[in-house]
């Protein structure tokens, strides 16, 4: 989702502070300027294009939010937003671990598509100043107070939010588990939206990476495993850089091309997630960045970070297995060294 193409149409803010016993629902849209619009676009774009969001579909027979939005019209924006906010507040009031927040409901357009965003802005506690008049009325007293209802900044990631495409009511959801009836639960999708969720690209990539590491740990000794893990990370990085992603089955062919028995074991793990033929295409730069360098940690406390293009160049770095089984790292052709404090 391109931030520059997001056009805000309507915004409203509802105060859902579960510590005061009732929601404070707005009867009027928010009057906003360019700074607030930029703030909203930043959060919406991060959810729309990030790898943390899950693609979801409403359980149509069970979801009150679906029922409300099924006949949505812009003239009902305020009433619809209040009804949705009330549903969320009742869940929050019944489960004290869910943090209080402002709910910002945003009607926007991106490209040719029309959307509704539900942005739950959990409160942050920060210190600020306050000026009080002295008791005798002659002068002021400046104080420092802890303000408990500060909203997240545009650079902070929201933990619960949804973007709903209005033509088919498909959702992108980010969420965090909180305790409900003694159990950690994805309350935002399970209790509030009542939708089914697929794994996010970030979660899928993490599952694949952990499965590769687990299989290699079982199949190789320590020295071989070190080399195989670096090679596997290099292959994943190549697939993402050159093709924008990979099909899990095809990735396994490359990583385990010389160990068919390990490929079978890896596919068995992927079968548990129904991911053998899954195509994974991460979008976020933050997700991709972790595959752009090799991070090495020695048992002597040395940390080495090698950019992937240098790792692949034998003129830049070489890994040498010594007769006693130890490994040496040779960094070559250094033109300049710099020490930083």
Protein backbone atom coordinates (compact mmCIF):
# COMPACT_ATOMS: atom_id res chain seq x y z
CA UNK A 1 0.00 0.00 0.00
CA UNK A 2 1.52 3.29 -1.17
CA UNK A 3 1.35 6.02 1.49
CA UNK A 4 1.36 8.76 -1.15
CA UNK A 5 -1.77 7.33 -2.78
CA UNK A 6 -3.81 7.17 0.43
CA UNK A 7 -6.61 9.74 0.44
CA UNK A 8 -8.33 10.29 3.79
CA UNK A 9 -12.10 10.88 3.52
CA UNK A 10 -13.50 10.67 7.04
CA UNK A 11 -11.94 10.28 10.51
CA UNK A 12 -13.51 9.87 13.93
CA UNK A 13 -12.00 9.14 17.35
CA UNK A 14 -13.68 7.20 20.15
CA UNK A 15 -12.17 7.01 23.64
CA UNK A 16 -12.18 3.43 24.89
CA UNK A 17 -10.70 3.80 28.37
CA UNK A 18 -11.86 0.67 30.16
CA UNK A 19 -10.71 2.11 33.50
CA UNK A 20 -13.57 4.65 33.57
CA UNK A 21 -16.43 2.18 33.06
CA UNK A 22 -17.92 3.51 29.82
CA UNK A 23 -16.78 4.52 26.33
CA UNK A 24 -16.68 8.18 25.33
CA UNK A 25 -18.07 8.06 21.79
CA UNK A 26 -17.81 11.02 19.47
CA UNK A 27 -20.87 12.37 17.69
CA UNK A 28 -18.82 14.32 15.18
CA UNK A 29 -15.99 13.60 12.78
CA UNK A 30 -12.50 14.76 13.64
CA UNK A 31 -11.39 18.01 12.08
CA UNK A 32 -7.83 17.31 11.04
CA UNK A 33 -5.00 19.05 9.24
CA UNK A 34 -2.05 17.89 7.21
CA UNK A 35 -0.05 16.64 10.23
CA UNK A 36 -2.83 14.35 11.45
CA UNK A 37 -3.46 13.14 7.88
CA UNK A 38 0.24 12.27 7.56
CA UNK A 39 0.10 10.50 10.93
CA UNK A 40 -2.82 8.37 9.74
CA UNK A 41 -1.33 7.63 6.34
CA UNK A 42 1.90 6.48 7.98
CA UNK A 43 0.11 3.95 10.18
CA UNK A 44 -2.24 2.76 7.43
CA UNK A 45 0.60 2.26 4.93
CA UNK A 46 2.65 0.32 7.46
CA UNK A 47 -0.22 -2.08 8.08
CA UNK A 48 -1.16 -2.31 4.40
CA UNK A 49 2.33 -3.10 3.16
CA UNK A 50 4.01 -4.70 6.18
CA UNK A 51 4.68 -8.40 6.70
CA UNK A 52 3.14 -8.49 10.19
CA UNK A 53 -0.43 -8.27 8.89
CA UNK A 54 -2.54 -11.37 8.35
CA UNK A 55 -5.00 -11.79 5.50
CA UNK A 56 -8.40 -12.57 7.02
CA UNK A 57 -12.01 -13.32 6.13
CA UNK A 58 -15.04 -12.68 8.30
CA UNK A 59 -17.11 -15.52 9.71
CA UNK A 60 -20.19 -14.01 8.11
CA UNK A 61 -22.79 -15.74 10.25
CA UNK A 62 -21.05 -14.89 13.52
CA UNK A 63 -19.41 -11.50 13.05
CA UNK A 64 -21.27 -8.40 14.23
CA UNK A 65 -18.66 -6.22 12.52
CA UNK A 66 -19.42 -7.97 9.23
CA UNK A 67 -23.14 -7.38 9.75
CA UNK A 68 -22.54 -3.70 10.39
CA UNK A 69 -20.31 -3.24 7.33
CA UNK A 70 -22.27 -5.42 4.92
CA UNK A 71 -24.60 -2.53 4.11
CA UNK A 72 -22.15 0.30 4.82
CA UNK A 73 -22.70 3.73 3.27
CA UNK A 74 -20.65 6.86 3.89
CA UNK A 75 -23.64 8.79 5.23
CA UNK A 76 -23.71 6.25 8.09
CA UNK A 77 -20.00 6.65 8.90
CA UNK A 78 -20.45 8.14 12.38
CA UNK A 79 -23.18 5.70 13.44
CA UNK A 80 -21.24 2.71 12.09
CA UNK A 81 -18.04 3.78 13.83
CA UNK A 82 -19.88 4.17 17.16
CA UNK A 83 -21.45 0.72 16.86
CA UNK A 84 -18.08 -0.89 16.09
CA UNK A 85 -16.37 1.01 18.93
CA UNK A 86 -19.06 -0.14 21.37
CA UNK A 87 -18.50 -3.77 20.42
CA UNK A 88 -14.77 -3.46 21.03
CA UNK A 89 -15.26 -1.63 24.32
CA UNK A 90 -17.46 -4.38 25.77
CA UNK A 91 -14.71 -6.93 25.07
CA UNK A 92 -12.11 -4.64 26.64
CA UNK A 93 -14.26 -3.98 29.73
CA UNK A 94 -14.71 -7.72 30.31
CA UNK A 95 -10.98 -8.46 29.98
CA UNK A 96 -8.83 -6.15 32.08
CA UNK A 97 -5.52 -7.19 30.48
CA UNK A 98 -6.52 -5.59 27.17
CA UNK A 99 -5.04 -2.08 27.31
CA UNK A 100 -7.22 1.07 27.13
CA UNK A 101 -6.99 3.02 23.90
CA UNK A 102 -8.47 5.49 21.47
CA UNK A 103 -10.08 3.86 18.46
CA UNK A 104 -9.54 5.86 15.29
CA UNK A 105 -11.91 4.86 12.49
CA UNK A 106 -10.67 6.08 9.14
CA UNK A 107 -12.49 5.97 5.81
CA UNK A 108 -9.95 6.24 2.99
CA UNK A 109 -9.16 5.43 -0.61
CA UNK A 110 -5.94 3.99 -2.03
CA UNK A 111 -5.69 3.79 -5.79
CA UNK A 112 -9.10 2.66 -7.00
CA UNK A 113 -9.99 0.75 -3.82
CA UNK A 114 -12.13 1.99 -0.94
CA UNK A 115 -11.26 1.06 2.65
CA UNK A 116 -12.14 1.41 6.31
CA UNK A 117 -9.33 1.32 8.89
CA UNK A 118 -9.80 0.46 12.57
CA UNK A 119 -6.71 1.75 14.38
CA UNK A 120 -6.53 0.91 18.09
CA UNK A 121 -4.15 3.44 19.61
CA UNK A 122 -3.10 1.91 22.92
CA UNK A 123 -2.18 4.51 25.53
CA UNK A 124 1.44 5.16 26.43
CA UNK A 125 2.48 6.66 29.75
CA UNK A 126 4.95 9.55 29.41
CA UNK A 127 6.02 12.52 31.47
CA UNK A 128 5.03 16.07 30.57
CA UNK A 129 4.79 19.46 32.27
CA UNK A 130 1.85 21.29 33.78
CA UNK A 131 1.55 24.91 34.90
CA UNK A 132 -0.55 25.66 37.98
CA UNK A 133 -1.47 29.05 39.50
CA UNK A 134 -0.15 29.59 43.00
CA UNK A 135 -2.69 29.60 45.83
CA UNK A 136 -2.33 33.34 46.38
CA UNK A 137 -2.90 33.99 42.69
CA UNK A 138 0.45 35.68 42.29
CA UNK A 139 2.57 33.63 39.95
CA UNK A 140 2.72 30.08 38.56
CA UNK A 141 4.15 26.75 39.61
CA UNK A 142 5.51 24.40 36.93
CA UNK A 143 5.19 20.68 37.63
CA UNK A 144 6.13 17.40 35.98
CA UNK A 145 3.29 14.88 35.73
CA UNK A 146 2.94 11.38 34.28
CA UNK A 147 0.36 11.48 31.50
CA UNK A 148 -1.21 8.01 31.02
CA UNK A 149 -3.12 8.62 27.78
CA UNK A 150 -0.44 9.50 25.22
CA UNK A 151 -1.11 8.01 21.77
CA UNK A 152 1.59 6.17 19.78
CA UNK A 153 3.67 8.32 17.45
CA UNK A 154 3.74 7.75 13.68
CA UNK A 155 7.02 5.83 14.08
CA UNK A 156 5.62 3.39 16.65
CA UNK A 157 3.95 0.22 15.44
CA UNK A 158 0.36 -0.39 16.44
CA UNK A 159 -0.30 -3.79 17.98
CA UNK A 160 -3.99 -4.08 17.05
CA UNK A 161 -5.53 -2.74 13.86
CA UNK A 162 -7.49 -3.78 10.79
CA UNK A 163 -7.82 -2.50 7.24
CA UNK A 164 -11.04 -3.59 5.55
CA UNK A 165 -11.56 -3.38 1.79
CA UNK A 166 -15.16 -2.33 1.36
CA UNK A 167 -16.01 -4.02 -1.94
CA UNK A 168 -15.50 -7.56 -0.61
CA UNK A 169 -14.84 -6.97 3.13
CA UNK A 170 -11.46 -8.69 3.00
CA UNK A 171 -9.25 -7.73 5.95
CA UNK A 172 -5.61 -7.23 6.84
CA UNK A 173 -5.18 -7.58 10.59
CA UNK A 174 -2.34 -7.02 13.04
CA UNK A 175 -2.84 -8.09 16.61
CA UNK A 176 -1.25 -9.09 19.89
CA UNK A 177 -2.36 -11.82 22.27
CA UNK A 178 -3.80 -10.78 25.63
CA UNK A 179 -5.13 -12.89 28.47
CA UNK A 180 -8.81 -13.78 28.13
CA UNK A 181 -10.33 -16.19 30.66
CA UNK A 182 -6.85 -17.19 31.80
CA UNK A 183 -5.51 -17.93 28.31
CA UNK A 184 -3.50 -15.83 25.86
CA UNK A 185 -5.86 -15.11 22.97
CA UNK A 186 -5.90 -13.19 19.69
CA UNK A 187 -8.93 -11.31 20.94
CA UNK A 188 -8.93 -8.73 18.11
CA UNK A 189 -9.61 -11.31 15.38
CA UNK A 190 -11.23 -14.03 17.48
CA UNK A 191 -13.60 -12.07 19.74
CA UNK A 192 -13.97 -8.66 18.12
CA UNK A 193 -13.79 -9.06 14.34
CA UNK A 194 -14.60 -12.78 14.36
CA UNK A 195 -12.56 -13.62 11.30
CA UNK A 196 -10.30 -16.44 10.18
CA UNK A 197 -6.65 -15.56 9.66
CA UNK A 198 -3.87 -16.90 7.49
CA UNK A 199 -0.27 -16.67 8.63
CA UNK A 200 1.46 -13.39 7.83
CA UNK A 201 4.42 -13.41 5.37
CA UNK A 202 6.74 -12.68 8.28
CA UNK A 203 5.40 -15.68 10.24
CA UNK A 204 5.67 -17.96 7.20
CA UNK A 205 9.26 -16.92 6.56
CA UNK A 206 10.09 -17.48 10.22
CA UNK A 207 8.56 -20.97 10.13
CA UNK A 208 10.59 -21.91 7.04
CA UNK A 209 13.83 -20.54 8.54
CA UNK A 210 13.32 -22.36 11.84
CA UNK A 211 12.46 -25.61 10.05
CA UNK A 212 15.61 -25.43 7.88
CA UNK A 213 17.74 -24.76 10.96
CA UNK A 214 16.12 -27.63 12.87
CA UNK A 215 16.63 -30.15 10.06
CA UNK A 216 20.25 -29.10 9.55
CA UNK A 217 20.88 -29.35 13.28
CA UNK A 218 19.69 -32.96 13.19
CA UNK A 219 21.47 -33.86 9.96
CA UNK A 220 24.97 -32.39 10.31
CA UNK A 221 27.74 -32.15 12.86
CA UNK A 222 28.67 -28.75 14.28
CA UNK A 223 31.21 -27.78 11.61
CA UNK A 224 29.06 -28.88 8.67
CA UNK A 225 25.98 -27.29 10.21
CA UNK A 226 27.70 -23.89 10.38
CA UNK A 227 28.47 -23.97 6.64
CA UNK A 228 25.06 -25.36 5.68
CA UNK A 229 23.17 -22.73 7.67
CA UNK A 230 25.14 -19.91 6.03
CA UNK A 231 24.48 -21.43 2.61
CA UNK A 232 20.75 -21.79 3.34
CA UNK A 233 20.48 -18.14 4.40
CA UNK A 234 22.33 -17.13 1.23
CA UNK A 235 19.87 -19.12 -0.92
CA UNK A 236 16.84 -17.54 0.79
CA UNK A 237 18.35 -14.07 0.25
CA UNK A 238 18.98 -14.83 -3.44
CA UNK A 239 15.41 -16.01 -3.97
CA UNK A 240 13.96 -12.91 -2.31
CA UNK A 241 16.28 -10.51 -4.13
CA UNK A 242 15.99 -12.06 -7.59
CA UNK A 243 12.39 -13.36 -7.55
CA UNK A 244 10.68 -11.39 -4.79
CA UNK A 245 10.15 -14.59 -2.81
CA UNK A 246 10.01 -18.35 -3.25
CA UNK A 247 7.83 -21.44 -3.31
CA UNK A 248 8.68 -23.56 -0.25
CA UNK A 249 8.92 -26.79 -2.24
CA UNK A 250 11.35 -25.24 -4.74
CA UNK A 251 13.44 -23.69 -1.98
CA UNK A 252 13.83 -27.12 -0.40
CA UNK A 253 15.15 -28.47 -3.72
CA UNK A 254 17.96 -25.91 -3.65
CA UNK A 255 18.86 -26.11 0.04
CA UNK A 256 18.73 -29.91 0.33
CA UNK A 257 19.71 -30.86 -3.23
CA UNK A 258 22.47 -33.20 -1.99
CA UNK A 259 20.55 -34.56 1.02
CA UNK A 260 17.22 -35.98 -0.26
CA UNK A 261 16.48 -37.56 3.12
CA UNK A 262 16.72 -34.15 4.80
CA UNK A 263 14.48 -32.65 2.12
CA UNK A 264 11.82 -35.24 2.97
CA UNK A 265 12.15 -34.43 6.69
CA UNK A 266 11.83 -30.70 5.93
CA UNK A 267 8.74 -31.23 3.79
CA UNK A 268 7.19 -33.31 6.57
CA UNK A 269 7.56 -30.30 8.87
CA UNK A 270 6.05 -28.00 6.25
CA UNK A 271 3.14 -30.39 5.75
CA UNK A 272 2.06 -29.74 9.34
CA UNK A 273 1.51 -26.09 8.37
CA UNK A 274 0.08 -26.97 4.94
CA UNK A 275 2.96 -24.96 3.47
CA UNK A 276 4.76 -27.38 1.13
CA UNK A 277 3.54 -25.54 -1.97
CA UNK A 278 3.19 -22.16 -0.27
CA UNK A 279 4.53 -19.09 -2.08
CA UNK A 280 6.14 -16.62 0.31
CA UNK A 281 6.66 -13.05 -0.86
CA UNK A 282 7.78 -10.68 1.91
CA UNK A 283 7.11 -6.99 1.26
CA UNK A 284 8.62 -5.12 4.21
CA UNK A 285 12.20 -3.90 4.03
CA UNK A 286 12.63 -4.80 7.70
CA UNK A 287 11.75 -8.44 6.98
CA UNK A 288 14.09 -8.66 4.01
CA UNK A 289 16.96 -6.83 5.73
CA UNK A 290 17.76 -9.69 8.11
CA UNK A 291 18.72 -11.84 5.12
CA UNK A 292 21.09 -9.26 3.64
CA UNK A 293 24.01 -10.15 5.91
CA UNK A 294 25.51 -13.09 7.75
CA UNK A 295 25.80 -12.66 11.52
CA UNK A 296 28.43 -14.87 13.15
CA UNK A 297 29.03 -15.37 16.87
CA UNK A 298 32.08 -17.25 18.15
CA UNK A 299 32.44 -19.13 21.42
CA UNK A 300 35.15 -16.62 22.34
CA UNK A 301 32.72 -13.70 22.26
CA UNK A 302 33.57 -12.27 18.83
CA UNK A 303 30.72 -11.04 16.64
CA UNK A 304 31.12 -10.67 12.87
CA UNK A 305 28.61 -9.14 10.46
CA UNK A 306 29.31 -9.90 6.78
CA UNK A 307 27.21 -8.31 4.00
CA UNK A 308 25.82 -11.08 1.80
CA UNK A 309 27.57 -9.86 -1.36
CA UNK A 310 30.92 -10.03 0.50
CA UNK A 311 30.10 -13.48 1.90
CA UNK A 312 29.54 -14.78 -1.65
CA UNK A 313 32.80 -13.30 -2.95
CA UNK A 314 35.79 -15.63 -2.33
CA UNK A 315 38.10 -12.63 -2.77
CA UNK A 316 36.55 -10.98 0.27
CA UNK A 317 36.11 -13.69 2.89
CA UNK A 318 37.06 -17.33 3.32
CA UNK A 319 36.07 -19.92 5.91
CA UNK A 320 38.80 -22.46 6.67
CA UNK A 321 38.20 -25.72 8.53
CA UNK A 322 41.35 -26.56 10.46
CA UNK A 323 42.65 -30.12 11.04
CA UNK A 324 41.58 -29.96 14.69
CA UNK A 325 37.97 -29.17 13.70
CA UNK A 326 38.07 -25.48 14.55
CA UNK A 327 37.09 -22.85 12.00
CA UNK A 328 39.08 -19.79 10.93
CA UNK A 329 37.57 -16.79 9.18
CA UNK A 330 39.92 -15.04 6.75
CA UNK A 331 38.90 -11.52 5.71
CA UNK A 332 40.80 -10.53 2.58
CA UNK A 333 41.84 -7.44 0.63
CA UNK A 334 40.97 -4.85 3.24
CA UNK A 335 41.79 -1.39 1.91
CA UNK A 336 40.92 0.53 5.07
CA UNK A 337 40.16 -0.28 8.70
CA UNK A 338 38.32 2.05 11.05
CA UNK A 339 37.77 1.71 14.79
CA UNK A 340 34.71 3.34 16.35
CA UNK A 341 34.08 4.04 20.00
